[in-house]
N, C-alpha and C. Protein backbone atom coordinates (compact mmCIF):
# COMPACT_ATOMS: atom_id res chain seq x y z
N MET A 1 103.02 78.04 98.43
CA MET A 1 102.67 79.28 97.76
C MET A 1 101.18 79.55 97.94
N LYS A 2 100.84 80.81 97.94
CA LYS A 2 99.42 81.15 97.99
C LYS A 2 98.90 81.26 96.56
N VAL A 3 97.61 81.03 96.39
CA VAL A 3 96.97 81.05 95.08
C VAL A 3 95.98 82.21 95.06
N ALA A 4 96.13 83.07 94.04
CA ALA A 4 95.22 84.19 93.85
C ALA A 4 94.47 83.99 92.53
N LEU A 5 93.19 84.30 92.54
CA LEU A 5 92.36 84.19 91.33
C LEU A 5 92.15 85.59 90.76
N SER A 6 92.35 85.72 89.46
CA SER A 6 92.05 87.00 88.81
C SER A 6 90.54 87.20 88.81
N ALA A 7 90.12 88.45 88.60
CA ALA A 7 88.68 88.75 88.52
C ALA A 7 88.05 87.96 87.37
N ARG A 8 88.80 87.80 86.29
CA ARG A 8 88.30 87.03 85.14
C ARG A 8 88.00 85.59 85.55
N VAL A 9 88.90 84.99 86.31
CA VAL A 9 88.72 83.59 86.72
C VAL A 9 87.54 83.47 87.68
N GLU A 10 87.40 84.40 88.59
CA GLU A 10 86.25 84.35 89.50
C GLU A 10 84.94 84.38 88.72
N ALA A 11 84.87 85.24 87.71
CA ALA A 11 83.66 85.31 86.87
C ALA A 11 83.48 84.03 86.06
N ASP A 12 84.59 83.49 85.53
CA ASP A 12 84.51 82.23 84.77
C ASP A 12 84.03 81.08 85.64
N ILE A 13 84.49 81.02 86.87
CA ILE A 13 84.06 79.96 87.79
C ILE A 13 82.57 80.08 88.05
N ASP A 14 82.09 81.29 88.33
CA ASP A 14 80.66 81.48 88.57
C ASP A 14 79.84 81.04 87.35
N HIS A 15 80.29 81.45 86.17
CA HIS A 15 79.58 81.09 84.94
C HIS A 15 79.58 79.57 84.72
N GLN A 16 80.74 78.95 84.85
CA GLN A 16 80.85 77.51 84.61
C GLN A 16 80.07 76.71 85.65
N LEU A 17 80.07 77.17 86.90
CA LEU A 17 79.31 76.49 87.94
C LEU A 17 77.82 76.54 87.62
N GLN A 18 77.33 77.71 87.24
CA GLN A 18 75.91 77.82 86.91
C GLN A 18 75.56 76.96 85.71
N TYR A 19 76.43 76.94 84.70
CA TYR A 19 76.22 76.09 83.53
C TYR A 19 76.16 74.61 83.97
N GLY A 20 77.08 74.21 84.82
CA GLY A 20 77.10 72.83 85.31
C GLY A 20 75.83 72.45 86.06
N ILE A 21 75.37 73.35 86.90
CA ILE A 21 74.14 73.09 87.65
C ILE A 21 72.96 72.97 86.69
N ASP A 22 72.88 73.90 85.74
CA ASP A 22 71.76 73.91 84.80
C ASP A 22 71.72 72.68 83.91
N HIS A 23 72.89 72.18 83.51
CA HIS A 23 72.94 71.08 82.54
C HIS A 23 73.17 69.69 83.14
N PHE A 24 73.79 69.63 84.32
CA PHE A 24 74.15 68.33 84.88
C PHE A 24 73.63 68.11 86.29
N GLY A 25 73.07 69.13 86.90
CA GLY A 25 72.55 69.01 88.25
C GLY A 25 73.54 69.48 89.30
N THR A 26 73.01 69.80 90.45
CA THR A 26 73.81 70.36 91.53
C THR A 26 74.88 69.40 92.03
N ALA A 27 74.54 68.14 92.19
CA ALA A 27 75.50 67.17 92.75
C ALA A 27 76.73 67.02 91.85
N VAL A 28 76.51 66.90 90.56
CA VAL A 28 77.63 66.74 89.62
C VAL A 28 78.46 68.01 89.60
N ALA A 29 77.81 69.16 89.53
CA ALA A 29 78.54 70.43 89.50
C ALA A 29 79.36 70.61 90.78
N GLU A 30 78.79 70.28 91.92
CA GLU A 30 79.53 70.43 93.19
C GLU A 30 80.74 69.52 93.23
N ARG A 31 80.62 68.28 92.75
CA ARG A 31 81.78 67.37 92.72
C ARG A 31 82.86 67.91 91.80
N THR A 32 82.46 68.39 90.64
CA THR A 32 83.42 68.92 89.67
C THR A 32 84.15 70.13 90.26
N PHE A 33 83.43 71.02 90.87
CA PHE A 33 84.05 72.22 91.41
C PHE A 33 84.82 71.96 92.70
N ALA A 34 84.49 70.89 93.40
CA ALA A 34 85.32 70.48 94.54
C ALA A 34 86.69 70.02 94.03
N ARG A 35 86.72 69.33 92.88
CA ARG A 35 87.99 68.92 92.27
C ARG A 35 88.79 70.15 91.83
N LEU A 36 88.10 71.10 91.24
CA LEU A 36 88.76 72.34 90.82
C LEU A 36 89.36 73.06 92.03
N ASP A 37 88.59 73.19 93.07
CA ASP A 37 89.06 73.85 94.30
C ASP A 37 90.26 73.12 94.89
N SER A 38 90.19 71.81 94.95
CA SER A 38 91.29 71.02 95.50
C SER A 38 92.55 71.18 94.65
N PHE A 39 92.38 71.17 93.33
CA PHE A 39 93.53 71.34 92.45
C PHE A 39 94.18 72.70 92.68
N LEU A 40 93.36 73.75 92.69
CA LEU A 40 93.91 75.10 92.80
C LEU A 40 94.57 75.36 94.14
N PHE A 41 93.87 75.05 95.22
CA PHE A 41 94.32 75.50 96.53
C PHE A 41 95.11 74.47 97.33
N LYS A 42 95.16 73.24 96.85
CA LYS A 42 95.99 72.23 97.51
C LYS A 42 97.13 71.79 96.59
N PHE A 43 96.79 71.15 95.48
CA PHE A 43 97.82 70.61 94.59
C PHE A 43 98.69 71.71 94.00
N LEU A 44 98.08 72.70 93.35
CA LEU A 44 98.86 73.74 92.68
C LEU A 44 99.67 74.55 93.68
N ALA A 45 99.12 74.80 94.84
CA ALA A 45 99.86 75.53 95.88
C ALA A 45 101.12 74.78 96.28
N ASP A 46 101.06 73.45 96.30
CA ASP A 46 102.21 72.63 96.67
C ASP A 46 103.15 72.35 95.50
N TYR A 47 102.61 72.31 94.28
CA TYR A 47 103.40 71.96 93.10
C TYR A 47 103.18 73.01 92.00
N PRO A 48 103.66 74.21 92.20
CA PRO A 48 103.35 75.29 91.27
C PRO A 48 103.92 75.11 89.86
N PHE A 49 104.92 74.28 89.71
CA PHE A 49 105.53 74.10 88.39
C PHE A 49 105.05 72.82 87.70
N ALA A 50 103.91 72.29 88.13
CA ALA A 50 103.38 71.04 87.58
C ALA A 50 102.80 71.22 86.19
N GLY A 51 102.41 72.41 85.83
CA GLY A 51 101.83 72.65 84.51
C GLY A 51 102.90 72.73 83.44
N ARG A 52 102.44 72.93 82.23
CA ARG A 52 103.33 73.05 81.07
C ARG A 52 103.64 74.53 80.86
N ARG A 53 104.92 74.87 80.93
CA ARG A 53 105.32 76.26 80.73
C ARG A 53 105.07 76.66 79.28
N ILE A 54 104.40 77.81 79.09
CA ILE A 54 104.07 78.21 77.72
C ILE A 54 104.78 79.49 77.28
N ASP A 55 105.42 80.18 78.20
CA ASP A 55 106.20 81.35 77.78
C ASP A 55 107.27 81.67 78.81
N GLU A 56 108.12 82.61 78.46
CA GLU A 56 109.23 82.97 79.34
C GLU A 56 108.79 83.85 80.50
N GLY A 57 107.56 84.30 80.50
CA GLY A 57 107.06 85.16 81.57
C GLY A 57 106.55 84.39 82.78
N GLY A 58 106.81 83.10 82.81
CA GLY A 58 106.36 82.30 83.95
C GLY A 58 104.92 81.87 83.87
N VAL A 59 104.34 81.83 82.67
CA VAL A 59 102.95 81.41 82.51
C VAL A 59 102.92 79.91 82.18
N TYR A 60 102.02 79.22 82.86
CA TYR A 60 101.87 77.78 82.71
C TYR A 60 100.43 77.44 82.35
N GLU A 61 100.26 76.29 81.71
CA GLU A 61 98.96 75.74 81.37
C GLU A 61 98.82 74.41 82.10
N ALA A 62 97.64 74.16 82.68
CA ALA A 62 97.41 72.88 83.35
C ALA A 62 95.98 72.42 83.08
N TRP A 63 95.86 71.15 82.74
CA TRP A 63 94.57 70.50 82.59
C TRP A 63 94.23 69.89 83.94
N ILE A 64 93.01 70.11 84.40
CA ILE A 64 92.62 69.63 85.72
C ILE A 64 91.92 68.28 85.57
N ALA A 65 92.53 67.26 86.14
CA ALA A 65 92.02 65.89 86.02
C ALA A 65 90.58 65.77 86.49
N ARG A 66 89.85 64.92 85.77
CA ARG A 66 88.46 64.60 86.10
C ARG A 66 87.55 65.82 86.12
N THR A 67 87.95 66.84 85.34
CA THR A 67 87.10 68.00 85.10
C THR A 67 87.26 68.37 83.62
N PRO A 68 86.41 69.23 83.11
CA PRO A 68 86.58 69.67 81.73
C PRO A 68 87.40 70.96 81.62
N PHE A 69 88.21 71.27 82.64
CA PHE A 69 88.83 72.59 82.70
C PHE A 69 90.33 72.60 82.46
N VAL A 70 90.75 73.73 81.88
CA VAL A 70 92.14 74.05 81.63
C VAL A 70 92.37 75.42 82.26
N ILE A 71 93.49 75.57 82.97
CA ILE A 71 93.81 76.88 83.54
C ILE A 71 95.14 77.38 83.01
N PHE A 72 95.28 78.69 83.03
CA PHE A 72 96.55 79.35 82.75
C PHE A 72 96.90 80.12 84.01
N TYR A 73 98.15 80.02 84.41
CA TYR A 73 98.55 80.69 85.63
C TYR A 73 99.99 81.17 85.54
N ARG A 74 100.30 82.15 86.38
CA ARG A 74 101.65 82.70 86.44
C ARG A 74 102.22 82.41 87.82
N VAL A 75 103.45 81.93 87.83
CA VAL A 75 104.15 81.67 89.09
C VAL A 75 105.05 82.86 89.38
N GLU A 76 104.89 83.43 90.55
CA GLU A 76 105.68 84.59 90.96
C GLU A 76 106.41 84.26 92.26
N PRO A 77 107.57 83.57 92.15
CA PRO A 77 108.28 83.13 93.35
C PRO A 77 108.71 84.27 94.27
N ALA A 78 109.01 85.42 93.73
CA ALA A 78 109.48 86.55 94.55
C ALA A 78 108.44 86.99 95.57
N ILE A 79 107.16 86.79 95.24
CA ILE A 79 106.10 87.16 96.19
C ILE A 79 105.32 85.93 96.67
N ASP A 80 105.88 84.74 96.40
CA ASP A 80 105.31 83.48 96.87
C ASP A 80 103.84 83.32 96.47
N THR A 81 103.55 83.67 95.21
CA THR A 81 102.15 83.67 94.76
C THR A 81 102.01 83.03 93.38
N ILE A 82 100.91 82.32 93.22
CA ILE A 82 100.47 81.81 91.93
C ILE A 82 99.21 82.58 91.59
N THR A 83 99.20 83.23 90.44
CA THR A 83 98.01 83.97 90.01
C THR A 83 97.37 83.20 88.86
N VAL A 84 96.14 82.76 89.08
CA VAL A 84 95.40 82.05 88.04
C VAL A 84 94.80 83.12 87.13
N LEU A 85 95.21 83.09 85.87
CA LEU A 85 94.86 84.13 84.90
C LEU A 85 93.60 83.83 84.12
N ALA A 86 93.35 82.56 83.83
CA ALA A 86 92.19 82.19 83.01
C ALA A 86 91.79 80.75 83.28
N LEU A 87 90.50 80.50 83.13
CA LEU A 87 89.92 79.17 83.25
C LEU A 87 89.06 78.97 82.01
N PHE A 88 89.29 77.87 81.31
CA PHE A 88 88.53 77.56 80.11
C PHE A 88 87.96 76.15 80.22
N HIS A 89 86.80 75.96 79.62
CA HIS A 89 86.31 74.61 79.35
C HIS A 89 87.19 74.08 78.23
N HIS A 90 87.51 72.80 78.25
CA HIS A 90 88.45 72.26 77.25
C HIS A 90 87.97 72.47 75.82
N ALA A 91 86.66 72.61 75.61
CA ALA A 91 86.14 72.79 74.25
C ALA A 91 86.18 74.24 73.78
N GLN A 92 86.49 75.16 74.68
CA GLN A 92 86.57 76.56 74.29
C GLN A 92 87.85 76.84 73.52
N ASP A 93 87.78 77.79 72.60
CA ASP A 93 88.95 78.22 71.85
C ASP A 93 89.83 79.08 72.75
N ARG A 94 91.06 78.65 72.95
CA ARG A 94 91.98 79.38 73.82
C ARG A 94 93.04 80.13 73.01
N ALA A 95 92.94 80.08 71.69
CA ALA A 95 93.97 80.66 70.82
C ALA A 95 94.14 82.16 71.04
N ALA A 96 93.09 82.87 71.35
CA ALA A 96 93.17 84.32 71.50
C ALA A 96 93.60 84.74 72.91
N PHE A 97 93.78 83.79 73.82
CA PHE A 97 94.16 84.14 75.19
C PHE A 97 95.55 84.78 75.19
N ASP A 98 95.62 85.95 75.81
CA ASP A 98 96.90 86.66 75.93
C ASP A 98 97.19 86.84 77.41
N PRO A 99 98.18 86.15 77.96
CA PRO A 99 98.46 86.23 79.39
C PRO A 99 98.91 87.61 79.85
N SER A 100 99.26 88.49 78.93
CA SER A 100 99.71 89.81 79.34
C SER A 100 98.53 90.76 79.59
N ASP A 101 97.31 90.34 79.26
CA ASP A 101 96.12 91.20 79.48
C ASP A 101 95.82 91.33 80.95
């Protein structure tokens, strides 16, 4: 399956990367985001149903190992696509996240 990032996720990645660089240094941030990239475009593309299903609309939640990140994504088998809807730091409040937005 192909993986598509929502505009929200692209902005979240940019923000989190800059935060990582500012607080932990470039090397640590690059390693962390290499893991994120590998998870999204290799693992998730091959195993789209690996996350925990959270609703009947095909939305899943996945914690990305060895990173502080949690993603929400929708699997759309009819168009062979996984759309990543949101990326959160594990400490962020995700209660208000609405996958239908």
